[in-house]
C-alpha cells in the first residue's frame, strides 16, 4: 500500500491541489491529513475538493487549529471521500489505521490522560491487524520531531506511551513546523512529521 501523508496545510488550497496532484502521480492508495487543515476554522471551504476530483480517499484528524465541529462539517460535505480517524479506526486490507487529533497544549487542547484514552479506544478495534498505522497531530515526546527553539521538547507523553504500548509500524504526525519532513524511530515504529508538502509512505 502506498500512502501520501501530509499535515498543517492551514487552509492553503494550492497546497491541497499540489498534494492531490502528487497523490495521482505517485498512484497513492490513500491520503492522510494529520491535522491543522485550517486556521481556526478558516480556509476549509473547498479544501478537500482537489482530492475528491482526483478520486482519492482522505483519512483525517483535527489539529489544534481545527475543532471537532470542523471535521464533522467536512464529513457531511465529503462523506464519500473521507475516513474520520479522530477517535476512530478503520481497515484497508490487512492494514489497520487508528488515531486521535487535537493537541496536548494550546487551542483545542486535550489532557495527556484524555489523549491516551482516546488513542487506546481507537486502537482496540484494529489491534489484530497485521500492519498498524497511528495518526496523531502532536509528535511523541523526546524525539527529533518535538523540538522547538532551544531544543525545548513539546511533544506528547501520551503519544509516546501509546507507541511504546501498541508498537504500530508507522506513526504519522505534524504540528511542529520546525521539524516538517523529519523522521525518527521509537522502538520498531517509524515516526514521520509529514508536513504540508507531504511524504510518500509504503507499507
N, C-alpha and C. Protein backbone atom coordinates (compact mmCIF):
# COMPACT_ATOMS: atom_id res chain seq x y z
N UNK A 1 0.84 -1.20 0.00
CA UNK A 1 0.00 0.00 0.00
C UNK A 1 0.88 1.25 0.00
N UNK A 2 0.47 2.22 -0.80
CA UNK A 2 1.21 3.49 -0.88
C UNK A 2 0.33 4.61 -0.33
N UNK A 3 0.88 5.36 0.61
CA UNK A 3 0.14 6.43 1.30
C UNK A 3 0.86 7.75 1.09
N UNK A 4 0.10 8.81 0.82
CA UNK A 4 0.64 10.17 0.84
C UNK A 4 0.17 10.82 2.13
N UNK A 5 1.12 11.07 3.04
CA UNK A 5 0.80 11.68 4.33
C UNK A 5 1.20 13.15 4.33
N UNK A 6 0.35 14.01 4.88
CA UNK A 6 0.65 15.44 4.98
C UNK A 6 0.00 15.99 6.25
N UNK A 7 0.41 17.19 6.62
CA UNK A 7 -0.18 17.85 7.79
C UNK A 7 -0.03 19.36 7.62
N UNK A 8 -0.76 20.09 8.44
CA UNK A 8 -0.55 21.54 8.59
C UNK A 8 -0.62 22.32 7.27
N UNK A 9 -1.66 22.04 6.48
CA UNK A 9 -1.81 22.83 5.25
C UNK A 9 -2.52 24.15 5.52
N UNK A 10 -3.14 24.29 6.68
CA UNK A 10 -3.66 25.57 7.17
C UNK A 10 -4.47 26.33 6.12
N UNK A 11 -5.42 25.64 5.49
CA UNK A 11 -6.33 26.30 4.57
C UNK A 11 -5.75 26.70 3.23
N UNK A 12 -4.56 26.23 2.92
CA UNK A 12 -3.88 26.59 1.68
C UNK A 12 -4.38 25.71 0.54
N UNK A 13 -5.26 26.26 -0.30
CA UNK A 13 -5.84 25.50 -1.40
C UNK A 13 -4.78 25.05 -2.39
N UNK A 14 -3.78 25.89 -2.63
CA UNK A 14 -2.71 25.50 -3.56
C UNK A 14 -1.94 24.30 -3.03
N UNK A 15 -1.73 24.26 -1.71
CA UNK A 15 -1.05 23.10 -1.10
C UNK A 15 -1.90 21.85 -1.28
N UNK A 16 -3.22 21.97 -1.11
CA UNK A 16 -4.12 20.83 -1.30
C UNK A 16 -4.09 20.36 -2.75
N UNK A 17 -4.08 21.30 -3.68
CA UNK A 17 -4.03 20.95 -5.11
C UNK A 17 -2.73 20.23 -5.45
N UNK A 18 -1.62 20.72 -4.88
CA UNK A 18 -0.31 20.09 -5.12
C UNK A 18 -0.28 18.68 -4.56
N UNK A 19 -0.88 18.49 -3.38
CA UNK A 19 -0.92 17.16 -2.78
C UNK A 19 -1.78 16.20 -3.60
N UNK A 20 -2.91 16.69 -4.09
CA UNK A 20 -3.78 15.85 -4.92
C UNK A 20 -3.06 15.43 -6.20
N UNK A 21 -2.33 16.37 -6.77
CA UNK A 21 -1.55 16.08 -7.99
C UNK A 21 -0.47 15.04 -7.70
N UNK A 22 0.21 15.21 -6.56
CA UNK A 22 1.26 14.27 -6.16
C UNK A 22 0.69 12.88 -5.90
N UNK A 23 -0.47 12.83 -5.26
CA UNK A 23 -1.12 11.54 -4.97
C UNK A 23 -1.47 10.80 -6.26
N UNK A 24 -1.92 11.56 -7.24
CA UNK A 24 -2.27 10.95 -8.53
C UNK A 24 -1.03 10.46 -9.25
N UNK A 25 0.00 11.29 -9.26
CA UNK A 25 1.26 10.93 -9.94
C UNK A 25 1.90 9.70 -9.31
N UNK A 26 1.88 9.64 -7.98
CA UNK A 26 2.51 8.54 -7.25
C UNK A 26 1.60 7.31 -7.13
N UNK A 27 0.36 7.46 -7.64
CA UNK A 27 -0.63 6.37 -7.53
C UNK A 27 -0.85 5.95 -6.07
N UNK A 28 -0.99 6.95 -5.20
CA UNK A 28 -1.22 6.69 -3.78
C UNK A 28 -2.60 6.06 -3.58
N UNK A 29 -2.66 5.07 -2.71
CA UNK A 29 -3.92 4.40 -2.40
C UNK A 29 -4.76 5.20 -1.41
N UNK A 30 -4.09 6.06 -0.62
CA UNK A 30 -4.78 6.81 0.43
C UNK A 30 -3.98 8.07 0.74
N UNK A 31 -4.71 9.14 1.06
CA UNK A 31 -4.08 10.37 1.56
C UNK A 31 -4.43 10.49 3.04
N UNK A 32 -3.43 10.81 3.86
CA UNK A 32 -3.66 11.06 5.28
C UNK A 32 -3.32 12.51 5.58
N UNK A 33 -4.25 13.22 6.22
CA UNK A 33 -4.02 14.60 6.65
C UNK A 33 -4.03 14.62 8.18
N UNK A 34 -2.84 14.84 8.75
CA UNK A 34 -2.65 14.71 10.20
C UNK A 34 -2.86 16.03 10.94
N UNK A 35 -3.97 16.70 10.66
CA UNK A 35 -4.36 17.86 11.45
C UNK A 35 -3.91 19.20 10.92
N UNK A 36 -4.49 20.25 11.51
CA UNK A 36 -4.31 21.65 11.10
C UNK A 36 -4.61 21.85 9.62
N UNK A 37 -5.81 21.43 9.26
CA UNK A 37 -6.29 21.68 7.90
C UNK A 37 -6.60 23.16 7.71
N UNK A 38 -6.98 23.85 8.79
CA UNK A 38 -7.46 25.22 8.70
C UNK A 38 -6.63 26.16 9.57
N UNK A 39 -7.03 27.43 9.56
CA UNK A 39 -6.53 28.39 10.54
C UNK A 39 -7.73 28.76 11.40
N UNK A 40 -7.91 28.03 12.47
CA UNK A 40 -9.04 28.20 13.39
C UNK A 40 -10.37 28.22 12.63
N UNK A 41 -10.54 27.23 11.76
CA UNK A 41 -11.79 27.05 11.02
C UNK A 41 -11.85 27.78 9.70
N UNK A 42 -10.94 28.70 9.46
CA UNK A 42 -10.92 29.44 8.19
C UNK A 42 -10.13 28.67 7.13
N UNK A 43 -10.60 28.73 5.89
CA UNK A 43 -9.88 28.10 4.79
C UNK A 43 -10.33 26.69 4.47
N UNK A 44 -11.40 26.23 5.10
CA UNK A 44 -11.87 24.86 4.85
C UNK A 44 -12.74 24.75 3.60
N UNK A 45 -13.34 25.87 3.19
CA UNK A 45 -14.25 25.85 2.04
C UNK A 45 -13.52 25.37 0.79
N UNK A 46 -13.94 24.27 0.26
CA UNK A 46 -13.36 23.74 -0.98
C UNK A 46 -12.01 23.08 -0.82
N UNK A 47 -11.52 22.97 0.42
CA UNK A 47 -10.16 22.47 0.63
C UNK A 47 -9.98 21.01 0.22
N UNK A 48 -11.02 20.21 0.38
CA UNK A 48 -10.91 18.79 0.04
C UNK A 48 -11.36 18.48 -1.39
N UNK A 49 -11.85 19.48 -2.10
CA UNK A 49 -12.33 19.25 -3.46
C UNK A 49 -11.25 18.70 -4.40
N UNK A 50 -9.99 19.19 -4.32
CA UNK A 50 -8.95 18.61 -5.19
C UNK A 50 -8.78 17.11 -5.00
N UNK A 51 -8.93 16.63 -3.77
CA UNK A 51 -8.79 15.19 -3.51
C UNK A 51 -10.00 14.42 -4.06
N UNK A 52 -11.17 15.00 -3.91
CA UNK A 52 -12.39 14.38 -4.46
C UNK A 52 -12.29 14.32 -5.98
N UNK A 53 -11.84 15.43 -6.59
CA UNK A 53 -11.71 15.48 -8.05
C UNK A 53 -10.68 14.47 -8.56
N UNK A 54 -9.65 14.20 -7.73
CA UNK A 54 -8.61 13.23 -8.11
C UNK A 54 -9.03 11.80 -7.78
N UNK A 55 -10.24 11.65 -7.24
CA UNK A 55 -10.78 10.34 -6.86
C UNK A 55 -9.90 9.64 -5.83
N UNK A 56 -9.46 10.41 -4.83
CA UNK A 56 -8.62 9.89 -3.76
C UNK A 56 -9.35 9.94 -2.42
N UNK A 57 -9.27 8.86 -1.68
CA UNK A 57 -9.82 8.81 -0.33
C UNK A 57 -8.87 9.53 0.63
N UNK A 58 -9.44 10.22 1.61
CA UNK A 58 -8.66 11.00 2.57
C UNK A 58 -9.03 10.58 3.99
N UNK A 59 -8.03 10.19 4.77
CA UNK A 59 -8.21 9.94 6.21
C UNK A 59 -7.69 11.17 6.94
N UNK A 60 -8.45 11.68 7.89
CA UNK A 60 -8.01 12.92 8.53
C UNK A 60 -8.38 12.98 10.00
N UNK A 61 -7.66 13.87 10.68
CA UNK A 61 -7.91 14.20 12.09
C UNK A 61 -7.81 15.72 12.23
N UNK A 62 -8.40 16.29 13.28
CA UNK A 62 -8.21 17.72 13.53
C UNK A 62 -6.87 17.98 14.22
N UNK A 63 -6.32 19.16 13.98
CA UNK A 63 -5.15 19.61 14.74
C UNK A 63 -5.60 20.61 15.78
N UNK A 64 -4.66 21.31 16.38
CA UNK A 64 -5.04 22.30 17.38
C UNK A 64 -5.67 23.54 16.76
N UNK A 65 -5.56 23.71 15.43
CA UNK A 65 -6.22 24.82 14.73
C UNK A 65 -7.62 24.45 14.26
N UNK A 66 -8.00 23.19 14.39
CA UNK A 66 -9.29 22.71 13.91
C UNK A 66 -10.14 22.27 15.09
N UNK A 67 -11.44 22.45 14.96
CA UNK A 67 -12.33 21.94 16.01
C UNK A 67 -12.95 20.62 15.56
N UNK A 68 -13.50 19.91 16.50
CA UNK A 68 -14.21 18.67 16.16
C UNK A 68 -15.42 18.96 15.27
N UNK A 69 -16.01 20.15 15.45
CA UNK A 69 -17.13 20.57 14.60
C UNK A 69 -16.68 20.77 13.15
N UNK A 70 -15.46 21.27 12.96
CA UNK A 70 -14.91 21.44 11.61
C UNK A 70 -14.84 20.09 10.89
N UNK A 71 -14.36 19.08 11.60
CA UNK A 71 -14.22 17.75 11.00
C UNK A 71 -15.60 17.16 10.70
N UNK A 72 -16.55 17.38 11.61
CA UNK A 72 -17.91 16.89 11.39
C UNK A 72 -18.51 17.51 10.12
N UNK A 73 -18.27 18.82 9.93
CA UNK A 73 -18.77 19.51 8.74
C UNK A 73 -18.16 18.93 7.47
N UNK A 74 -16.85 18.67 7.49
CA UNK A 74 -16.18 18.08 6.33
C UNK A 74 -16.71 16.68 6.05
N UNK A 75 -16.97 15.92 7.10
CA UNK A 75 -17.53 14.57 6.94
C UNK A 75 -18.88 14.60 6.24
N UNK A 76 -19.71 15.56 6.61
CA UNK A 76 -21.02 15.68 5.98
C UNK A 76 -20.90 16.08 4.51
N UNK A 77 -19.99 17.00 4.25
CA UNK A 77 -19.86 17.54 2.89
C UNK A 77 -19.16 16.56 1.94
N UNK A 78 -18.20 15.81 2.47
CA UNK A 78 -17.40 14.90 1.63
C UNK A 78 -17.51 13.47 2.14
N UNK A 79 -18.73 13.04 2.42
CA UNK A 79 -18.92 11.73 3.06
C UNK A 79 -18.40 10.57 2.22
N UNK A 80 -18.34 10.74 0.90
CA UNK A 80 -17.86 9.65 0.04
C UNK A 80 -16.35 9.68 -0.15
N UNK A 81 -15.69 10.68 0.44
CA UNK A 81 -14.24 10.86 0.26
C UNK A 81 -13.46 10.63 1.54
N UNK A 82 -14.10 10.85 2.69
CA UNK A 82 -13.38 10.94 3.97
C UNK A 82 -13.50 9.68 4.84
N UNK A 83 -12.36 9.34 5.45
CA UNK A 83 -12.33 8.46 6.62
C UNK A 83 -12.02 9.37 7.81
N UNK A 84 -12.89 9.42 8.79
CA UNK A 84 -12.64 10.20 10.00
C UNK A 84 -11.84 9.33 10.97
N UNK A 85 -10.61 9.76 11.28
CA UNK A 85 -9.75 8.99 12.18
C UNK A 85 -9.69 9.57 13.58
N UNK A 86 -10.44 10.64 13.83
CA UNK A 86 -10.41 11.27 15.15
C UNK A 86 -11.25 10.44 16.12
N UNK A 87 -10.60 9.68 16.96
CA UNK A 87 -11.22 8.74 17.92
C UNK A 87 -11.78 7.50 17.24
N UNK A 88 -11.48 7.33 15.97
CA UNK A 88 -12.00 6.18 15.22
C UNK A 88 -10.85 5.36 14.63
N UNK A 89 -11.23 4.27 13.98
CA UNK A 89 -10.25 3.43 13.29
C UNK A 89 -10.92 2.79 12.09
N UNK A 90 -10.13 2.29 11.17
CA UNK A 90 -10.66 1.56 10.02
C UNK A 90 -9.56 0.67 9.46
N UNK A 91 -9.97 -0.25 8.60
CA UNK A 91 -9.01 -1.15 7.96
C UNK A 91 -9.11 -1.03 6.45
N UNK A 92 -7.96 -1.14 5.79
CA UNK A 92 -7.92 -1.36 4.35
C UNK A 92 -7.06 -2.61 4.16
N UNK A 93 -7.69 -3.69 3.76
CA UNK A 93 -6.97 -4.96 3.67
C UNK A 93 -6.46 -5.37 5.03
N UNK A 94 -5.16 -5.65 5.12
CA UNK A 94 -4.60 -6.08 6.41
C UNK A 94 -3.92 -4.94 7.16
N UNK A 95 -4.19 -3.70 6.75
CA UNK A 95 -3.62 -2.53 7.42
C UNK A 95 -4.69 -1.84 8.25
N UNK A 96 -4.43 -1.69 9.55
CA UNK A 96 -5.35 -1.00 10.45
C UNK A 96 -4.86 0.40 10.75
N UNK A 97 -5.76 1.37 10.66
CA UNK A 97 -5.45 2.77 10.93
C UNK A 97 -6.20 3.20 12.19
N UNK A 98 -5.52 3.91 13.09
CA UNK A 98 -6.18 4.39 14.30
C UNK A 98 -5.55 5.71 14.71
N UNK A 99 -6.27 6.49 15.53
CA UNK A 99 -5.68 7.75 15.94
C UNK A 99 -6.61 8.68 16.67
N UNK A 100 -6.07 9.88 16.92
CA UNK A 100 -6.80 10.94 17.61
C UNK A 100 -6.11 12.25 17.29
N UNK A 101 -6.91 13.29 17.04
CA UNK A 101 -6.35 14.59 16.71
C UNK A 101 -6.24 15.52 17.91
N UNK A 102 -6.29 16.83 17.61
CA UNK A 102 -6.10 17.90 18.59
C UNK A 102 -4.67 17.85 19.14
N UNK A 103 -4.41 18.48 20.28
CA UNK A 103 -3.04 18.53 20.79
C UNK A 103 -3.04 18.60 22.31
N UNK A 104 -1.87 18.41 22.88
CA UNK A 104 -1.73 18.38 24.34
C UNK A 104 -1.54 19.77 24.94
N UNK A 105 -1.27 20.79 24.09
CA UNK A 105 -1.06 22.16 24.56
C UNK A 105 -1.71 23.11 23.56
N UNK A 106 -2.36 24.17 24.04
CA UNK A 106 -2.86 25.21 23.15
C UNK A 106 -4.35 25.09 22.87
N UNK A 107 -4.82 25.80 21.82
CA UNK A 107 -6.24 25.75 21.48
C UNK A 107 -6.68 24.32 21.16
N UNK A 108 -7.94 24.02 21.42
CA UNK A 108 -8.49 22.67 21.19
C UNK A 108 -7.62 21.61 21.87
N UNK A 109 -7.32 21.89 23.12
CA UNK A 109 -6.38 21.06 23.89
C UNK A 109 -7.08 19.85 24.51
N UNK A 110 -6.35 18.74 24.53
CA UNK A 110 -6.75 17.56 25.29
C UNK A 110 -5.69 17.30 26.35
N UNK A 111 -6.12 16.86 27.51
CA UNK A 111 -5.14 16.46 28.52
C UNK A 111 -4.41 15.21 28.03
N UNK A 112 -3.23 14.97 28.57
CA UNK A 112 -2.48 13.77 28.20
C UNK A 112 -3.30 12.51 28.52
N UNK A 113 -4.01 12.55 29.63
CA UNK A 113 -4.82 11.39 30.03
C UNK A 113 -5.92 11.12 29.01
N UNK A 114 -6.59 12.19 28.57
CA UNK A 114 -7.68 12.03 27.60
C UNK A 114 -7.15 11.60 26.24
N UNK A 115 -6.02 12.16 25.83
CA UNK A 115 -5.41 11.79 24.55
C UNK A 115 -5.04 10.30 24.55
N UNK A 116 -4.44 9.85 25.63
CA UNK A 116 -4.06 8.43 25.76
C UNK A 116 -5.30 7.53 25.66
N UNK A 117 -6.34 7.92 26.39
CA UNK A 117 -7.57 7.12 26.43
C UNK A 117 -8.21 7.02 25.04
N UNK A 118 -8.24 8.13 24.33
CA UNK A 118 -8.88 8.14 23.00
C UNK A 118 -8.08 7.32 21.99
N UNK A 119 -6.76 7.45 22.04
CA UNK A 119 -5.94 6.64 21.12
C UNK A 119 -6.12 5.16 21.44
N UNK A 120 -6.10 4.83 22.72
CA UNK A 120 -6.29 3.43 23.15
C UNK A 120 -7.62 2.88 22.64
N UNK A 121 -8.69 3.66 22.78
CA UNK A 121 -10.01 3.21 22.34
C UNK A 121 -10.05 2.96 20.84
N UNK A 122 -9.43 3.83 20.07
CA UNK A 122 -9.44 3.63 18.61
C UNK A 122 -8.57 2.44 18.22
N UNK A 123 -7.49 2.22 18.96
CA UNK A 123 -6.59 1.08 18.69
C UNK A 123 -7.29 -0.26 18.92
N UNK A 124 -8.15 -0.31 19.92
CA UNK A 124 -8.78 -1.59 20.30
C UNK A 124 -9.50 -2.27 19.14
N UNK A 125 -10.02 -1.47 18.21
CA UNK A 125 -10.81 -2.03 17.11
C UNK A 125 -9.96 -2.62 15.99
N UNK A 126 -8.68 -2.26 15.94
CA UNK A 126 -7.83 -2.75 14.83
C UNK A 126 -6.60 -3.50 15.35
N UNK A 127 -6.58 -3.82 16.64
CA UNK A 127 -5.37 -4.36 17.26
C UNK A 127 -4.90 -5.67 16.66
N UNK A 128 -5.79 -6.40 16.00
CA UNK A 128 -5.40 -7.68 15.39
C UNK A 128 -4.97 -7.54 13.94
N UNK A 129 -4.90 -6.31 13.44
CA UNK A 129 -4.45 -6.10 12.06
C UNK A 129 -2.98 -6.47 11.92
N UNK A 130 -2.62 -6.97 10.75
CA UNK A 130 -1.24 -7.38 10.50
C UNK A 130 -0.29 -6.19 10.55
N UNK A 131 -0.71 -5.08 9.95
CA UNK A 131 0.07 -3.84 9.96
C UNK A 131 -0.78 -2.76 10.61
N UNK A 132 -0.13 -1.83 11.33
CA UNK A 132 -0.87 -0.79 12.03
C UNK A 132 -0.22 0.58 11.82
N UNK A 133 -1.07 1.59 11.59
CA UNK A 133 -0.60 2.96 11.43
C UNK A 133 -1.36 3.86 12.40
N UNK A 134 -0.62 4.55 13.26
CA UNK A 134 -1.19 5.53 14.18
C UNK A 134 -1.11 6.91 13.53
N UNK A 135 -2.21 7.67 13.62
CA UNK A 135 -2.22 9.03 13.09
C UNK A 135 -2.61 9.98 14.22
N UNK A 136 -1.71 10.90 14.54
CA UNK A 136 -1.94 11.89 15.59
C UNK A 136 -1.45 13.25 15.06
N UNK A 137 -1.84 14.31 15.74
CA UNK A 137 -1.34 15.63 15.31
C UNK A 137 -0.01 15.96 15.98
N UNK A 138 0.04 15.76 17.28
CA UNK A 138 1.24 16.13 18.04
C UNK A 138 2.22 14.96 18.07
N UNK A 139 3.52 15.23 17.88
CA UNK A 139 4.50 14.14 17.89
C UNK A 139 4.75 13.61 19.29
N UNK A 140 5.35 12.42 19.38
CA UNK A 140 5.69 11.88 20.70
C UNK A 140 6.78 12.71 21.38
N UNK A 141 6.73 12.74 22.69
CA UNK A 141 7.70 13.48 23.49
C UNK A 141 9.11 12.90 23.35
N UNK A 142 10.09 13.80 23.36
CA UNK A 142 11.51 13.45 23.39
C UNK A 142 11.94 12.63 22.17
N UNK A 143 11.68 13.19 20.99
CA UNK A 143 12.16 12.62 19.73
C UNK A 143 12.73 13.77 18.90
N UNK A 144 13.24 13.47 17.73
CA UNK A 144 13.73 14.52 16.84
C UNK A 144 12.61 15.43 16.36
N UNK A 145 11.37 14.98 16.51
CA UNK A 145 10.24 15.67 15.90
C UNK A 145 9.54 16.67 16.81
N UNK A 146 9.87 16.70 18.10
CA UNK A 146 9.09 17.54 19.02
C UNK A 146 9.89 18.70 19.59
N UNK A 147 11.00 19.05 18.96
CA UNK A 147 11.87 20.10 19.50
C UNK A 147 11.62 21.44 18.81
N UNK A 148 11.52 22.50 19.63
CA UNK A 148 11.41 23.86 19.10
C UNK A 148 12.45 24.73 19.80
N UNK A 149 12.71 25.90 19.23
CA UNK A 149 13.60 26.87 19.87
C UNK A 149 14.90 26.27 20.34
N UNK A 150 15.22 26.47 21.60
CA UNK A 150 16.46 25.96 22.19
C UNK A 150 16.32 24.51 22.62
N UNK A 151 15.97 23.66 21.65
CA UNK A 151 15.78 22.23 21.90
C UNK A 151 14.73 21.94 22.98
N UNK A 152 13.76 22.85 23.12
CA UNK A 152 12.67 22.62 24.05
C UNK A 152 11.78 21.50 23.51
N UNK A 153 11.43 20.55 24.37
CA UNK A 153 10.62 19.40 23.97
C UNK A 153 9.15 19.67 24.28
N UNK A 154 8.31 19.61 23.25
CA UNK A 154 6.90 19.95 23.43
C UNK A 154 5.96 18.83 22.96
N UNK A 155 6.50 17.64 22.78
CA UNK A 155 5.68 16.52 22.32
C UNK A 155 4.80 15.96 23.41
N UNK A 156 4.07 14.93 23.05
CA UNK A 156 3.09 14.33 23.96
C UNK A 156 3.62 13.05 24.60
N UNK A 157 3.53 12.99 25.92
CA UNK A 157 3.90 11.75 26.62
C UNK A 157 2.87 10.66 26.35
N UNK A 158 1.60 11.06 26.15
CA UNK A 158 0.56 10.07 25.85
C UNK A 158 0.83 9.38 24.53
N UNK A 159 1.22 10.15 23.52
CA UNK A 159 1.53 9.57 22.21
C UNK A 159 2.74 8.64 22.33
N UNK A 160 3.76 9.10 23.04
CA UNK A 160 4.95 8.26 23.23
C UNK A 160 4.59 6.94 23.93
N UNK A 161 3.82 7.04 24.99
CA UNK A 161 3.45 5.84 25.75
C UNK A 161 2.59 4.88 24.93
N UNK A 162 1.72 5.44 24.08
CA UNK A 162 0.88 4.58 23.24
C UNK A 162 1.71 3.91 22.15
N UNK A 163 2.71 4.59 21.63
CA UNK A 163 3.61 3.96 20.64
C UNK A 163 4.35 2.81 21.30
N UNK A 164 4.86 3.05 22.50
CA UNK A 164 5.59 2.01 23.23
C UNK A 164 4.69 0.81 23.52
N UNK A 165 3.43 1.09 23.84
CA UNK A 165 2.50 0.01 24.19
C UNK A 165 1.99 -0.75 22.97
N UNK A 166 1.59 -0.03 21.92
CA UNK A 166 0.90 -0.68 20.79
C UNK A 166 1.84 -1.06 19.65
N UNK A 167 3.04 -0.44 19.62
CA UNK A 167 4.06 -0.77 18.62
C UNK A 167 3.53 -0.74 17.18
N UNK A 168 2.94 0.39 16.75
CA UNK A 168 2.49 0.47 15.36
C UNK A 168 3.69 0.47 14.42
N UNK A 169 3.46 0.09 13.17
CA UNK A 169 4.54 0.12 12.18
C UNK A 169 4.95 1.55 11.86
N UNK A 170 3.96 2.44 11.78
CA UNK A 170 4.21 3.85 11.48
C UNK A 170 3.39 4.73 12.41
N UNK A 171 3.94 5.89 12.73
CA UNK A 171 3.19 6.94 13.42
C UNK A 171 3.34 8.21 12.59
N UNK A 172 2.22 8.72 12.09
CA UNK A 172 2.22 9.92 11.26
C UNK A 172 1.71 11.08 12.11
N UNK A 173 2.46 12.19 12.11
CA UNK A 173 2.09 13.35 12.91
C UNK A 173 2.43 14.64 12.16
N UNK A 174 2.34 15.76 12.84
CA UNK A 174 2.65 17.06 12.26
C UNK A 174 2.95 18.04 13.39
N UNK A 175 2.26 19.19 13.37
CA UNK A 175 2.22 20.15 14.48
C UNK A 175 3.47 21.02 14.61
N UNK A 176 4.65 20.42 14.67
CA UNK A 176 5.87 21.19 14.90
C UNK A 176 6.45 21.61 13.56
N UNK A 177 6.29 22.90 13.22
CA UNK A 177 6.69 23.39 11.90
C UNK A 177 8.20 23.29 11.69
N UNK A 178 8.95 23.43 12.77
CA UNK A 178 10.42 23.38 12.65
C UNK A 178 10.93 22.01 12.22
N UNK A 179 10.14 20.97 12.39
CA UNK A 179 10.63 19.62 12.07
C UNK A 179 9.85 18.96 10.94
N UNK A 180 9.15 19.77 10.13
CA UNK A 180 8.44 19.21 8.98
C UNK A 180 9.37 18.35 8.13
N UNK A 181 8.90 17.17 7.77
CA UNK A 181 9.67 16.30 6.89
C UNK A 181 10.66 15.39 7.59
N UNK A 182 10.89 15.62 8.89
CA UNK A 182 11.85 14.79 9.61
C UNK A 182 11.21 13.46 10.02
N UNK A 183 12.08 12.48 10.22
CA UNK A 183 11.64 11.16 10.67
C UNK A 183 12.51 10.71 11.83
N UNK A 184 11.96 9.85 12.66
CA UNK A 184 12.70 9.27 13.78
C UNK A 184 12.16 7.86 14.00
N UNK A 185 12.72 7.19 14.96
CA UNK A 185 12.28 5.83 15.27
C UNK A 185 12.12 5.70 16.78
N UNK A 186 11.06 5.04 17.20
CA UNK A 186 10.82 4.75 18.61
C UNK A 186 10.54 3.26 18.69
N UNK A 187 11.53 2.50 19.18
CA UNK A 187 11.42 1.05 19.09
C UNK A 187 11.40 0.64 17.64
N UNK A 188 10.40 -0.11 17.24
CA UNK A 188 10.28 -0.54 15.84
C UNK A 188 9.41 0.41 15.01
N UNK A 189 8.89 1.46 15.65
CA UNK A 189 7.95 2.35 14.97
C UNK A 189 8.65 3.50 14.27
N UNK A 190 8.37 3.65 12.98
CA UNK A 190 8.84 4.82 12.23
C UNK A 190 7.90 5.98 12.52
N UNK A 191 8.47 7.12 12.95
CA UNK A 191 7.68 8.30 13.27
C UNK A 191 7.98 9.36 12.21
N UNK A 192 6.93 9.92 11.61
CA UNK A 192 7.10 10.84 10.49
C UNK A 192 6.32 12.12 10.74
N UNK A 193 7.02 13.27 10.74
CA UNK A 193 6.33 14.56 10.72
C UNK A 193 6.08 14.90 9.26
N UNK A 194 4.85 14.68 8.81
CA UNK A 194 4.55 14.70 7.38
C UNK A 194 4.74 16.08 6.75
N UNK A 195 4.27 17.15 7.42
CA UNK A 195 4.40 18.49 6.88
C UNK A 195 3.51 18.74 5.67
N UNK A 196 3.39 20.01 5.25
CA UNK A 196 2.44 20.38 4.19
C UNK A 196 2.81 19.92 2.78
N UNK A 197 4.08 19.62 2.55
CA UNK A 197 4.48 19.15 1.21
C UNK A 197 4.20 17.66 1.03
N UNK A 198 4.02 16.96 2.13
CA UNK A 198 3.65 15.55 2.08
C UNK A 198 4.82 14.61 1.89
N UNK A 199 4.63 13.39 2.36
CA UNK A 199 5.64 12.34 2.23
C UNK A 199 4.96 11.05 1.79
N UNK A 200 5.61 10.35 0.86
CA UNK A 200 5.11 9.05 0.43
C UNK A 200 5.59 7.99 1.41
N UNK A 201 4.67 7.17 1.88
CA UNK A 201 4.96 6.10 2.83
C UNK A 201 4.44 4.80 2.24
N UNK A 202 5.28 3.79 2.23
CA UNK A 202 4.86 2.49 1.72
C UNK A 202 4.82 1.49 2.87
N UNK A 203 3.79 0.68 2.88
CA UNK A 203 3.65 -0.32 3.95
C UNK A 203 3.08 -1.61 3.35
